[in-house]
Amino acid sequence: MAESTALKHRNLPLLLLKAREALMETRRPALRSHGLSDQQWRVLRVLSDPANALGLETGRLAREAHLLGPSLTGVLSRMERDGLVLRQRSEADARRSVVRITEVGEALAISLSVVIESQYSDLEATIGQPKLNKLYALLDELIALQQIDQKEGIAMTEDDL
């Protein structure tokens, strides 16, 4: 058996996943009470941003909602069936689809935003605004560093971790 290398650092990707799950445990009941999955909420949240009022092409929506293309297809089918989004052919390129939030989807996003914001307020009250702001800043910095690495072709694979 090969000698293992002692790792000096904690498993940051795993810690981030655990933190995400801890946060989602408090958010999922609200989502489920409105018949939404985590993925559907991410799509609604992206599409309800005023900057996306004209809709997004599916590729960009997949990137912004952090969903794989095949997963997004199924998510959008269910959301379209439920009247939350509308898919149309792009006027600029008929091979592409543009997704827009409907009035029903927007109303749902607004309704859920009240609950979600209340949960963020509870988190802020628990750990304090300075810590929460520092957490946001550190995460933004980590994301920006990874984007720079990816542009330079230094992106790590799962095997690198």
Protein backbone atom coordinates (compact mmCIF):
# COMPACT_ATOMS: atom_id res chain seq x y z
CA MET A 1 0.00 0.00 0.00
CA ALA A 2 1.36 3.39 -0.96
CA GLU A 3 2.28 5.80 1.78
CA SER A 4 -0.34 8.53 2.06
CA THR A 5 0.54 12.18 2.12
CA ALA A 6 -0.59 14.02 5.21
CA LEU A 7 -2.84 16.88 4.24
CA LYS A 8 -2.24 20.13 6.10
CA HIS A 9 -5.50 21.79 5.18
CA ARG A 10 -9.10 20.96 5.88
CA ASN A 11 -11.27 19.83 2.97
CA LEU A 12 -12.63 23.23 1.92
CA PRO A 13 -14.95 21.95 -0.85
CA LEU A 14 -16.53 19.53 1.62
CA LEU A 15 -16.88 22.26 4.26
CA LEU A 16 -18.56 24.53 1.71
CA LEU A 17 -20.98 21.72 0.78
CA LYS A 18 -21.76 21.12 4.46
CA ALA A 19 -22.36 24.85 4.98
CA ARG A 20 -24.65 24.94 1.94
CA GLU A 21 -26.64 21.98 3.24
CA ALA A 22 -26.91 23.55 6.69
CA LEU A 23 -28.34 26.73 5.14
CA MET A 24 -30.64 24.85 2.79
CA GLU A 25 -32.14 22.82 5.65
CA THR A 26 -33.81 26.00 6.87
CA ARG A 27 -34.83 27.12 3.39
CA ARG A 28 -36.15 23.86 1.93
CA PRO A 29 -39.40 23.76 3.92
CA ALA A 30 -40.44 27.12 2.45
CA LEU A 31 -39.46 25.98 -1.04
CA ARG A 32 -41.29 22.66 -0.70
CA SER A 33 -44.41 24.36 0.64
CA HIS A 34 -44.54 26.16 -2.71
CA GLY A 35 -43.75 23.00 -4.68
CA LEU A 36 -40.20 24.08 -5.60
CA SER A 37 -36.95 22.19 -5.68
CA ASP A 38 -33.62 23.82 -4.82
CA GLN A 39 -32.82 24.01 -8.53
CA GLN A 40 -36.14 25.64 -9.42
CA TRP A 41 -35.56 28.26 -6.72
CA ARG A 42 -32.11 29.03 -8.15
CA VAL A 43 -33.65 29.50 -11.59
CA LEU A 44 -36.40 31.75 -10.20
CA ARG A 45 -33.88 33.77 -8.21
CA VAL A 46 -31.70 34.34 -11.28
CA LEU A 47 -34.63 35.19 -13.56
CA SER A 48 -36.28 37.50 -11.01
CA ASP A 49 -33.19 39.73 -10.93
CA PRO A 50 -34.20 43.01 -12.63
CA ALA A 51 -31.05 42.78 -14.79
CA ASN A 52 -32.60 39.68 -16.39
CA ALA A 53 -36.02 41.17 -17.09
CA LEU A 54 -35.72 40.39 -20.81
CA GLY A 55 -34.84 36.77 -20.06
CA LEU A 56 -31.69 34.72 -20.46
CA GLU A 57 -30.49 32.24 -23.02
CA THR A 58 -30.55 28.75 -21.55
CA GLY A 59 -26.74 28.39 -21.58
CA ARG A 60 -26.26 31.54 -19.55
CA LEU A 61 -29.11 30.61 -17.22
CA ALA A 62 -27.48 27.22 -16.62
CA ARG A 63 -24.19 28.93 -15.72
CA GLU A 64 -25.77 31.54 -13.45
CA ALA A 65 -27.99 29.00 -11.66
CA HIS A 66 -25.12 26.47 -11.51
CA LEU A 67 -27.05 23.71 -13.25
CA LEU A 68 -25.87 21.29 -15.90
CA GLY A 69 -27.64 21.67 -19.25
CA PRO A 70 -29.53 18.35 -19.11
CA SER A 71 -30.70 19.10 -15.56
CA LEU A 72 -31.82 22.57 -16.59
CA THR A 73 -33.93 21.11 -19.39
CA GLY A 74 -35.96 19.01 -16.95
CA VAL A 75 -36.21 21.83 -14.41
CA LEU A 76 -37.47 24.25 -17.08
CA SER A 77 -40.01 21.73 -18.39
CA ARG A 78 -41.58 21.43 -14.94
CA MET A 79 -41.43 25.18 -14.35
CA GLU A 80 -43.01 25.90 -17.72
CA ARG A 81 -45.74 23.34 -17.01
CA ASP A 82 -46.41 25.15 -13.70
CA GLY A 83 -46.56 28.56 -15.40
CA LEU A 84 -43.44 29.92 -13.68
CA VAL A 85 -41.32 30.49 -16.78
CA LEU A 86 -41.77 30.88 -20.50
CA ARG A 87 -39.33 29.55 -23.10
CA GLN A 88 -39.16 31.11 -26.53
CA ARG A 89 -36.84 30.92 -29.49
CA SER A 90 -34.23 33.64 -29.52
CA GLU A 91 -34.93 36.35 -32.06
CA ALA A 92 -31.19 36.70 -32.64
CA ASP A 93 -30.55 32.98 -33.15
CA ALA A 94 -33.42 30.53 -33.72
CA ARG A 95 -31.22 27.65 -32.51
CA ARG A 96 -31.23 29.12 -29.02
CA SER A 97 -33.95 29.48 -26.40
CA VAL A 98 -34.58 32.42 -24.11
CA VAL A 99 -36.22 31.87 -20.74
CA ARG A 100 -38.28 34.55 -19.03
CA ILE A 101 -40.00 34.56 -15.67
CA THR A 102 -43.80 34.85 -15.83
CA GLU A 103 -45.96 37.01 -13.58
CA VAL A 104 -46.83 33.88 -11.59
CA GLY A 105 -43.13 33.07 -11.22
CA GLU A 106 -42.33 36.64 -10.23
CA ALA A 107 -45.09 36.64 -7.59
CA LEU A 108 -43.76 33.37 -6.20
CA ALA A 109 -40.19 34.71 -6.12
CA ILE A 110 -41.36 37.82 -4.26
CA SER A 111 -43.35 35.75 -1.79
CA LEU A 112 -40.41 33.44 -1.10
CA SER A 113 -37.98 36.34 -0.92
CA VAL A 114 -39.76 37.59 2.19
CA VAL A 115 -39.24 34.23 3.91
CA ILE A 116 -35.66 33.84 2.69
CA GLU A 117 -34.72 37.39 3.73
CA SER A 118 -36.16 36.70 7.18
CA GLN A 119 -33.91 33.65 7.42
CA TYR A 120 -30.89 35.74 6.42
CA SER A 121 -31.85 38.27 9.10
CA ASP A 122 -31.94 35.44 11.64
CA LEU A 123 -28.48 34.29 10.51
CA GLU A 124 -27.19 37.85 10.75
CA ALA A 125 -28.63 38.17 14.27
CA THR A 126 -26.95 34.90 15.27
CA ILE A 127 -23.45 35.47 13.92
CA GLY A 128 -23.49 39.25 13.63
CA GLN A 129 -23.42 41.57 10.64
CA PRO A 130 -19.60 41.98 10.66
CA LYS A 131 -19.05 38.21 10.44
CA LEU A 132 -21.70 37.78 7.76
CA ASN A 133 -20.20 40.63 5.71
CA LYS A 134 -16.75 39.09 6.14
CA LEU A 135 -18.09 35.71 5.01
CA TYR A 136 -19.60 37.31 1.89
CA ALA A 137 -16.33 39.12 1.16
CA LEU A 138 -14.22 35.98 1.61
CA LEU A 139 -16.52 33.92 -0.60
CA ASP A 140 -16.54 36.64 -3.28
CA GLU A 141 -12.74 36.73 -3.14
CA LEU A 142 -12.48 32.94 -3.41
CA ILE A 143 -14.85 32.90 -6.38
CA ALA A 144 -12.92 35.69 -8.11
CA LEU A 145 -9.61 33.88 -7.58
CA GLN A 146 -11.02 30.68 -9.05
CA GLN A 147 -12.33 32.57 -12.07
CA ILE A 148 -8.86 34.05 -12.63
CA ASP A 149 -7.30 30.58 -12.35
CA GLN A 150 -9.81 29.18 -14.85
CA LYS A 151 -9.05 31.96 -17.34
CA GLU A 152 -5.36 31.16 -17.01
CA GLY A 153 -6.04 27.45 -17.51
CA ILE A 154 -5.13 26.45 -13.97
CA ALA A 155 -8.54 25.08 -13.02
CA MET A 156 -8.26 22.12 -10.67
CA THR A 157 -10.11 18.91 -11.24
CA GLU A 158 -11.77 16.83 -8.55
CA ASP A 159 -8.70 14.57 -8.60
CA ASP A 160 -6.54 17.54 -7.59
CA LEU A 161 -8.40 17.91 -4.31
